[in-house]
C-alpha atoms as a PDB file:
ATOM      1  CA  MET A   1      -0.004   0.024  -0.044  1.00  0.00           C
ATOM      2  CA  ALA A   2       2.646   2.423   0.961  1.00  0.00           C
ATOM      3  CA  GLU A   3       4.786   1.699  -2.351  1.00  0.00           C
ATOM      4  CA  PHE A   4       1.773   2.577  -4.507  1.00  0.00           C
ATOM      5  CA  ASN A   5       0.201   5.172  -2.109  1.00  0.00           C
ATOM      6  CA  ILE A   6      -3.187   3.239  -2.005  1.00  0.00           C
ATOM      7  CA  LYS A   7      -5.246   3.391   1.314  1.00  0.00           C
ATOM      8  CA  GLN A   8      -6.349   0.310   2.950  1.00  0.00           C
ATOM      9  CA  ASP A   9      -9.976   1.085   2.153  1.00  0.00           C
ATOM     10  CA  ALA A  10      -9.363   0.832  -1.458  1.00  0.00           C
ATOM     11  CA  VAL A  11      -7.464  -2.574  -1.142  1.00  0.00           C
ATOM     12  CA  LEU A  12     -10.321  -3.953   0.903  1.00  0.00           C
ATOM     13  CA  ASN A  13     -12.787  -2.918  -1.653  1.00  0.00           C
ATOM     14  CA  HIS A  14     -10.908  -4.372  -4.610  1.00  0.00           C
ATOM     15  CA  LEU A  15     -10.456  -7.784  -2.708  1.00  0.00           C
ATOM     16  CA  PHE A  16     -14.236  -7.881  -2.029  1.00  0.00           C
ATOM     17  CA  LYS A  17     -14.847  -7.397  -5.725  1.00  0.00           C
ATOM     18  CA  TYR A  18     -12.289 -10.091  -6.546  1.00  0.00           C
ATOM     19  CA  LEU A  19     -13.901 -12.578  -4.212  1.00  0.00           C
ATOM     20  CA  GLN A  20     -17.377 -11.523  -5.867  1.00  0.00           C
ATOM     21  CA  GLU A  21     -16.065 -12.671  -8.978  1.00  0.00           C
ATOM     22  CA  GLY A  22     -15.409 -16.213  -7.809  1.00  0.00           C
ATOM     23  CA  ARG A  23     -11.578 -15.875  -7.114  1.00  0.00           C
ATOM     24  CA  THR A  24      -9.971 -16.983  -3.920  1.00  0.00           C
ATOM     25  CA  ILE A  25      -7.367 -15.704  -1.570  1.00  0.00           C
ATOM     26  CA  ARG A  26      -5.021 -17.987   0.071  1.00  0.00           C
ATOM     27  CA  SER A  27      -4.628 -16.904   3.488  1.00  0.00           C
ATOM     28  CA  ALA A  28      -7.612 -15.489   5.369  1.00  0.00           C
ATOM     29  CA  GLU A  29      -5.735 -15.538   8.639  1.00  0.00           C
ATOM     30  CA  GLU A  30      -3.342 -12.767   7.296  1.00  0.00           C
ATOM     31  CA  LEU A  31      -6.551 -10.546   7.019  1.00  0.00           C
ATOM     32  CA  LEU A  32      -7.254 -10.883  10.661  1.00  0.00           C
ATOM     33  CA  LYS A  33      -3.914  -9.714  11.562  1.00  0.00           C
ATOM     34  CA  LEU A  34      -4.916  -6.202  10.342  1.00  0.00           C
ATOM     35  CA  SER A  35      -7.603  -6.052  13.142  1.00  0.00           C
ATOM     36  CA  THR A  36      -6.861  -4.835  16.632  1.00  0.00           C
ATOM     37  CA  ARG A  37      -9.770  -6.633  18.084  1.00  0.00           C
ATOM     38  CA  SER A  38      -9.559  -9.237  21.008  1.00  0.00           C
ATOM     39  CA  PRO A  39     -10.392 -12.860  20.208  1.00  0.00           C
ATOM     40  CA  ASP A  40     -13.742 -12.397  21.836  1.00  0.00           C
ATOM     41  CA  GLN A  41     -14.587  -9.225  19.876  1.00  0.00           C
ATOM     42  CA  LYS A  42     -13.561 -11.103  16.684  1.00  0.00           C
ATOM     43  CA  ARG A  43     -15.807 -14.046  17.522  1.00  0.00           C
ATOM     44  CA  LEU A  44     -18.646 -11.465  18.252  1.00  0.00           C
ATOM     45  CA  VAL A  45     -18.093  -9.839  14.803  1.00  0.00           C
ATOM     46  CA  LEU A  46     -18.009 -13.023  12.869  1.00  0.00           C
ATOM     47  CA  ASP A  47     -21.058 -14.384  14.785  1.00  0.00           C
ATOM     48  CA  THR A  48     -22.912 -11.252  13.603  1.00  0.00           C
ATOM     49  CA  PHE A  49     -21.987 -11.810  10.040  1.00  0.00           C
ATOM     50  CA  LYS A  50     -23.445 -15.353  10.461  1.00  0.00           C
ATOM     51  CA  ARG A  51     -26.588 -13.774  11.545  1.00  0.00           C
ATOM     52  CA  PHE A  52     -27.012 -11.051   8.979  1.00  0.00           C
ATOM     53  CA  GLY A  53     -24.705 -12.282   6.123  1.00  0.00           C
ATOM     54  CA  PRO A  54     -21.932 -10.430   4.310  1.00  0.00           C
ATOM     55  CA  GLU A  55     -23.907  -8.428   1.666  1.00  0.00           C
ATOM     56  CA  LEU A  56     -24.500  -5.332   3.643  1.00  0.00           C
ATOM     57  CA  LEU A  57     -22.342  -3.852   6.450  1.00  0.00           C
ATOM     58  CA  LYS A  58     -24.874  -1.501   7.845  1.00  0.00           C
ATOM     59  CA  PRO A  59     -26.957  -4.012   9.699  1.00  0.00           C
ATOM     60  CA  ILE A  60     -23.784  -5.367  11.216  1.00  0.00           C
ATOM     61  CA  PHE A  61     -22.542  -1.942  12.117  1.00  0.00           C
ATOM     62  CA  GLU A  62     -25.639  -1.227  13.805  1.00  0.00           C
ATOM     63  CA  ALA A  63     -26.060  -4.619  15.427  1.00  0.00           C
ATOM     64  CA  LEU A  64     -22.508  -3.971  16.960  1.00  0.00           C
ATOM     65  CA  ASP A  65     -23.812  -0.454  18.277  1.00  0.00           C
ATOM     66  CA  GLY A  66     -21.246   1.311  16.011  1.00  0.00           C
ATOM     67  CA  ASN A  67     -18.194   0.010  18.002  1.00  0.00           C
ATOM     68  CA  ILE A  68     -16.527  -1.601  15.016  1.00  0.00           C
ATOM     69  CA  SER A  69     -15.582   0.733  12.213  1.00  0.00           C
ATOM     70  CA  TYR A  70     -16.702   0.034   8.585  1.00  0.00           C
ATOM     71  CA  GLN A  71     -13.064  -0.389   7.579  1.00  0.00           C
ATOM     72  CA  GLU A  72     -12.556  -3.400  10.224  1.00  0.00           C
ATOM     73  CA  LEU A  73     -15.935  -4.700   9.209  1.00  0.00           C
ATOM     74  CA  LYS A  74     -14.661  -4.830   5.631  1.00  0.00           C
ATOM     75  CA  ILE A  75     -11.681  -6.879   6.926  1.00  0.00           C
ATOM     76  CA  PHE A  76     -13.983  -9.164   8.688  1.00  0.00           C
ATOM     77  CA  ARG A  77     -16.210  -9.610   5.684  1.00  0.00           C
ATOM     78  CA  LEU A  78     -13.268 -10.746   3.435  1.00  0.00           C
ATOM     79  CA  TYR A  79     -12.262 -13.291   6.168  1.00  0.00           C
ATOM     80  CA  TYR A  80     -15.971 -14.421   6.601  1.00  0.00           C
ATOM     81  CA  LEU A  81     -16.348 -14.811   2.713  1.00  0.00           C
ATOM     82  CA  ILE A  82     -12.998 -16.653   2.303  1.00  0.00           C
ATOM     83  CA  LYS A  83     -13.879 -19.065   5.328  1.00  0.00           C
ATOM     84  CA  ASN A  84     -17.368 -19.920   4.165  1.00  0.00           C
ATOM     85  CA  ARG A  85     -16.669 -20.730   0.413  1.00  0.00           C
END
């Protein structure tokens, strides 16, 4: 990202589109390293994705009382999609 002066949000958006096209990413675990959340918080977010699905982030953001940023939700969505393919 630094080499090409690209923001993390842009990379996450492109990865989401990449996955939607049916392609795969090798290591989902590397994505979770981008999150600063505790293991319990990570489980909570992923459980919320199970309840609401990965299509829309707003219902998940609201279910988590706005405590997880949209940027982190994008990370979790990618992880969820990779793990559930």
